[in-house]
């Protein structure tokens, strides 16, 4: 499982290695298990705060970037 730990704000599509599509209810949560659009297992471990927005980047522990 890829652990996503940091919010990056809006990023360009070319900066991400994968994408994650979530319903609004799930984008309000800081802790979540999900599956990327490419079928990879992801775990969100983010600080509570604003809702995740379309086009926002998330950095994994490995440095990989996923776009919401």
C-alpha atoms as a PDB file:
ATOM      1  CA  UNK A   1       0.000   0.000   0.000  1.00  0.00           C
ATOM      2  CA  UNK A   2       1.265   3.442  -0.948  1.00  0.00           C
ATOM      3  CA  UNK A   3       1.016   5.808   2.054  1.00  0.00           C
ATOM      4  CA  UNK A   4       0.057   9.369   1.093  1.00  0.00           C
ATOM      5  CA  UNK A   5       1.214  11.759   3.811  1.00  0.00           C
ATOM      6  CA  UNK A   6       1.461  15.303   2.408  1.00  0.00           C
ATOM      7  CA  UNK A   7      -0.873  17.717   0.598  1.00  0.00           C
ATOM      8  CA  UNK A   8       0.804  19.660  -2.216  1.00  0.00           C
ATOM      9  CA  UNK A   9      -1.989  21.923  -3.428  1.00  0.00           C
ATOM     10  CA  UNK A  10      -2.921  22.169  -7.114  1.00  0.00           C
ATOM     11  CA  UNK A  11      -0.522  20.384  -9.480  1.00  0.00           C
ATOM     12  CA  UNK A  12      -0.280  19.790 -13.219  1.00  0.00           C
ATOM     13  CA  UNK A  13      -1.402  16.382 -14.544  1.00  0.00           C
ATOM     14  CA  UNK A  14       2.088  15.659 -15.855  1.00  0.00           C
ATOM     15  CA  UNK A  15       3.567  15.944 -12.335  1.00  0.00           C
ATOM     16  CA  UNK A  16       1.607  12.916 -11.043  1.00  0.00           C
ATOM     17  CA  UNK A  17       2.281   9.221 -11.579  1.00  0.00           C
ATOM     18  CA  UNK A  18      -1.357   8.204 -10.923  1.00  0.00           C
ATOM     19  CA  UNK A  19      -4.776   9.681 -10.149  1.00  0.00           C
ATOM     20  CA  UNK A  20      -7.342   9.128  -7.411  1.00  0.00           C
ATOM     21  CA  UNK A  21     -11.065   9.705  -7.905  1.00  0.00           C
ATOM     22  CA  UNK A  22     -13.048  10.159  -4.688  1.00  0.00           C
ATOM     23  CA  UNK A  23     -16.638  11.193  -3.912  1.00  0.00           C
ATOM     24  CA  UNK A  24     -17.066  14.407  -1.918  1.00  0.00           C
ATOM     25  CA  UNK A  25     -17.779  12.534   1.343  1.00  0.00           C
ATOM     26  CA  UNK A  26     -14.433  10.718   1.132  1.00  0.00           C
ATOM     27  CA  UNK A  27     -12.495  13.910   0.295  1.00  0.00           C
ATOM     28  CA  UNK A  28     -13.403  15.318   3.733  1.00  0.00           C
ATOM     29  CA  UNK A  29     -11.549  12.542   5.581  1.00  0.00           C
ATOM     30  CA  UNK A  30      -7.905  12.618   6.652  1.00  0.00           C
ATOM     31  CA  UNK A  31      -7.577   8.845   7.081  1.00  0.00           C
ATOM     32  CA  UNK A  32      -8.802   6.593   4.313  1.00  0.00           C
ATOM     33  CA  UNK A  33      -8.028   3.416   2.380  1.00  0.00           C
ATOM     34  CA  UNK A  34      -8.652   3.802  -1.348  1.00  0.00           C
ATOM     35  CA  UNK A  35      -7.792   2.370  -4.760  1.00  0.00           C
ATOM     36  CA  UNK A  36      -6.213   4.605  -7.412  1.00  0.00           C
ATOM     37  CA  UNK A  37      -7.638   4.883 -10.912  1.00  0.00           C
ATOM     38  CA  UNK A  38      -4.872   2.491 -12.035  1.00  0.00           C
ATOM     39  CA  UNK A  39      -5.864  -0.095  -9.389  1.00  0.00           C
ATOM     40  CA  UNK A  40      -3.139   0.534  -6.778  1.00  0.00           C
ATOM     41  CA  UNK A  41      -3.958   0.374  -3.065  1.00  0.00           C
ATOM     42  CA  UNK A  42      -3.519   3.736  -1.326  1.00  0.00           C
ATOM     43  CA  UNK A  43      -3.723   4.872   2.268  1.00  0.00           C
ATOM     44  CA  UNK A  44      -4.325   8.526   3.092  1.00  0.00           C
ATOM     45  CA  UNK A  45      -2.644   9.688   6.301  1.00  0.00           C
ATOM     46  CA  UNK A  46      -3.224  13.446   6.127  1.00  0.00           C
ATOM     47  CA  UNK A  47      -3.710  16.147   8.735  1.00  0.00           C
ATOM     48  CA  UNK A  48      -7.320  17.166   9.150  1.00  0.00           C
ATOM     49  CA  UNK A  49      -8.155  20.338   7.336  1.00  0.00           C
ATOM     50  CA  UNK A  50      -9.754  21.553   4.139  1.00  0.00           C
ATOM     51  CA  UNK A  51     -11.537  19.220   1.742  1.00  0.00           C
ATOM     52  CA  UNK A  52      -9.345  17.673  -0.966  1.00  0.00           C
ATOM     53  CA  UNK A  53      -9.989  19.483  -4.253  1.00  0.00           C
ATOM     54  CA  UNK A  54      -9.893  18.359  -7.859  1.00  0.00           C
ATOM     55  CA  UNK A  55      -6.351  18.723  -9.194  1.00  0.00           C
ATOM     56  CA  UNK A  56      -4.663  18.648  -5.774  1.00  0.00           C
ATOM     57  CA  UNK A  57      -1.484  16.611  -5.394  1.00  0.00           C
ATOM     58  CA  UNK A  58      -0.654  14.171  -2.613  1.00  0.00           C
ATOM     59  CA  UNK A  59       2.920  13.053  -1.887  1.00  0.00           C
ATOM     60  CA  UNK A  60       3.676   9.519  -0.724  1.00  0.00           C
ATOM     61  CA  UNK A  61       6.397   8.521   1.728  1.00  0.00           C
ATOM     62  CA  UNK A  62       8.392   7.307  -1.286  1.00  0.00           C
ATOM     63  CA  UNK A  63       8.174  10.761  -2.930  1.00  0.00           C
ATOM     64  CA  UNK A  64       5.692   9.638  -5.580  1.00  0.00           C
ATOM     65  CA  UNK A  65       2.870  12.094  -6.358  1.00  0.00           C
ATOM     66  CA  UNK A  66      -0.812  11.189  -6.857  1.00  0.00           C
ATOM     67  CA  UNK A  67      -3.346  13.693  -8.253  1.00  0.00           C
ATOM     68  CA  UNK A  68      -6.918  13.886  -6.920  1.00  0.00           C
END
